[in-house]
Protein backbone atom coordinates (compact mmCIF):
# COMPACT_ATOMS: atom_id res chain seq x y z
CA MET A 1 51.09 162.97 134.16
CA ARG A 2 51.04 158.96 131.31
CA GLN A 3 54.36 159.39 132.17
CA ARG A 4 53.99 159.55 135.60
CA GLN A 5 50.95 157.24 136.11
CA ARG A 6 53.41 154.10 134.29
CA LEU A 7 56.21 154.49 136.69
CA VAL A 8 53.39 154.02 138.47
CA GLU A 9 52.01 150.76 136.53
CA ILE A 10 54.94 148.82 135.98
CA GLN A 11 56.17 148.98 139.98
CA ARG A 12 52.27 147.31 140.39
CA ILE A 13 52.63 145.00 138.35
CA ALA A 14 55.71 144.39 139.79
CA ASP A 15 55.32 143.91 143.64
CA PHE A 16 51.80 141.56 141.92
CA ARG A 17 53.84 139.44 140.22
CA GLY A 18 57.32 139.66 142.72
CA LEU A 19 59.72 141.26 140.84
CA PRO A 20 62.06 143.58 140.94
CA ILE A 21 61.65 146.40 139.35
CA ASN A 22 63.81 149.72 138.45
CA LYS A 23 62.20 152.18 137.32
CA THR A 24 64.72 154.82 135.96
CA PRO A 25 67.14 151.78 134.35
CA LYS A 26 69.98 152.72 133.92
CA HIS A 27 69.90 151.09 129.85
CA TRP A 28 67.17 152.57 129.43
CA PRO A 29 65.82 153.43 126.37
CA VAL A 30 68.15 150.65 125.00
CA ASP A 31 68.75 149.61 121.08
CA PRO A 32 67.21 146.84 121.68
CA GLU A 33 67.79 145.03 117.98
CA LEU A 34 70.90 142.71 118.91
CA SER A 35 68.51 141.42 122.09
CA ASP A 36 65.64 140.61 119.37
CA ARG A 37 67.80 139.91 116.19
CA VAL A 38 68.47 136.94 118.96
CA ILE A 39 65.05 135.37 120.03
CA ALA A 40 64.33 135.39 115.55
CA ALA A 41 68.34 133.14 115.75
CA LEU A 42 66.87 130.97 118.56
CA ALA A 43 62.98 130.52 117.00
CA ALA A 44 65.05 129.82 113.28
CA GLU A 45 67.30 127.23 115.19
CA GLY A 46 63.79 125.64 117.36
CA HIS A 47 64.88 127.06 120.30
CA ASP A 48 61.95 128.15 122.92
CA PRO A 49 63.39 132.13 124.04
CA LEU A 50 61.70 132.70 126.53
CA SER A 51 64.05 131.32 129.07
CA TYR A 52 66.40 134.14 127.39
CA MET A 53 63.68 137.55 126.93
CA GLU A 54 63.26 137.04 130.55
CA ARG A 55 66.43 136.91 131.34
CA VAL A 56 67.20 140.14 128.95
CA PHE A 57 63.61 141.90 130.88
CA ALA A 58 65.56 141.64 133.79
CA ALA A 59 68.85 142.59 132.65
CA VAL A 60 66.90 146.53 131.57
CA TRP A 61 63.97 146.42 134.87
CA ALA A 62 66.23 145.48 137.07
CA ASN A 63 69.40 144.63 137.30
CA GLU A 64 71.38 147.73 135.48
CA GLU A 65 72.44 145.51 133.07
CA ASN A 66 72.93 146.89 129.03
CA ILE A 67 71.15 144.65 126.37
CA ALA A 68 72.82 146.36 123.48
CA ASP A 69 76.15 144.32 124.16
CA PRO A 70 76.96 141.86 123.01
CA ASP A 71 79.14 140.27 125.43
CA THR A 72 75.98 140.59 128.29
CA LEU A 73 73.79 138.75 125.89
CA ALA A 74 76.72 135.91 124.82
CA ARG A 75 75.89 135.59 128.96
CA TYR A 76 72.56 135.19 128.62
CA LEU A 77 73.16 132.18 125.92
CA GLU A 78 75.58 130.67 128.08
CA LEU A 79 72.82 130.33 131.36
CA GLU A 80 70.48 128.54 129.32
CA LYS A 81 73.32 126.57 127.86
CA PHE A 82 72.85 127.78 124.94
CA ASP A 83 75.69 128.52 121.72
CA ALA A 84 76.09 131.50 122.62
CA ALA A 85 78.64 131.83 119.82
CA SER A 86 76.85 130.27 117.13
CA ILE A 87 73.73 132.52 118.25
CA LEU A 88 74.91 136.26 117.60
CA GLU A 89 77.05 135.39 114.68
CA LYS A 90 73.93 134.02 113.37
CA ALA A 91 71.78 136.81 115.38
CA GLN A 92 73.87 139.38 113.02
CA SER A 93 72.92 137.43 109.75
CA GLU A 94 70.79 138.55 106.69
CA ALA A 95 68.52 136.02 107.34
CA ILE A 96 67.36 137.23 110.44
CA ALA A 97 67.11 141.29 109.49
CA GLU A 98 65.15 139.84 107.37
CA ILE A 99 63.49 137.80 109.47
CA ARG A 100 62.92 140.76 113.04
CA ALA A 101 62.11 143.02 109.97
CA GLN A 102 59.15 141.14 108.55
CA ASN A 103 58.13 140.75 112.29
CA THR A 104 58.29 144.47 113.39
CA LYS A 105 56.37 145.02 110.06
CA ASP A 106 53.45 142.69 111.04
CA ALA A 107 54.16 144.05 114.08
CA VAL A 108 53.24 147.98 113.18
CA GLU A 109 50.30 145.91 110.78
CA ALA A 110 48.03 144.28 114.03
CA ASP A 111 48.74 147.64 116.03
CA ALA A 112 51.58 145.54 118.70
CA VAL A 113 51.97 149.03 120.47
CA GLY A 114 54.37 146.82 122.89
CA VAL A 115 55.23 143.89 124.38
CA PRO A 116 52.84 142.55 125.07
CA THR A 117 50.54 142.71 122.89
CA PHE A 118 48.40 139.43 121.89
CA VAL A 119 45.84 139.67 118.70
CA LEU A 120 43.27 137.70 118.19
CA ASN A 121 41.30 137.37 114.83
CA GLY A 122 42.95 140.99 113.83
CA GLU A 123 41.78 142.75 117.62
CA ALA A 124 44.75 143.16 119.73
CA PHE A 125 45.53 144.03 123.78
CA PHE A 126 48.23 145.35 124.34
CA GLY A 127 49.71 144.92 127.85
CA GLN A 128 49.45 142.29 130.56
CA ASP A 129 46.40 144.52 132.55
CA ARG A 130 44.53 143.66 128.94
CA VAL A 131 44.40 139.67 130.00
CA GLU A 132 41.41 139.40 131.15
CA TYR A 133 39.32 141.21 128.23
CA LEU A 134 41.10 138.72 126.39
CA ASP A 135 39.98 135.44 127.56
CA HIS A 136 36.93 137.47 127.88
CA ALA A 137 36.80 137.12 124.07
CA LEU A 138 38.16 134.08 123.83
CA ALA A 139 35.89 132.42 125.97
CA THR A 140 32.72 135.07 124.23
CA GLY A 141 33.67 134.55 121.54
CA ARG A 142 32.47 138.15 120.42
CA GLN A 143 33.17 139.93 116.87
CA PRO A 144 37.33 141.54 117.06
CA ILE A 145 36.79 144.60 118.19
CA THR A 146 38.99 147.32 115.16
CA PRO A 147 39.58 150.37 114.65
């Protein structure tokens, strides 16, 4: 039942945002490690990774592309005017692996169970349908609700 509702929800969100969606993507589940490490490498270089991230999400959920494929990620980086070879090389470095490992540890400790998760004063708000609750917590200054 939960999986059926998840499929309904992703279609509902796509419709609301005017985005294409494939509810059964060809490359899902997929290993996100390299695409995650590219995000960390972009951030480490002082770049905003948002446009790249949007391409990664669209790749999986709309375009039937494999985000575990370095050539696919290189194409996204080039489309966003980044030096793909340099960023991919940095993404595979030990320093970036350590950043990703720490980010993962921090996410687990913050109860970030998926994307997007927002954390305010130790309280995790998971999912775009929780943004109004986050907005309310910010507006009222209420104490965090934690397990």
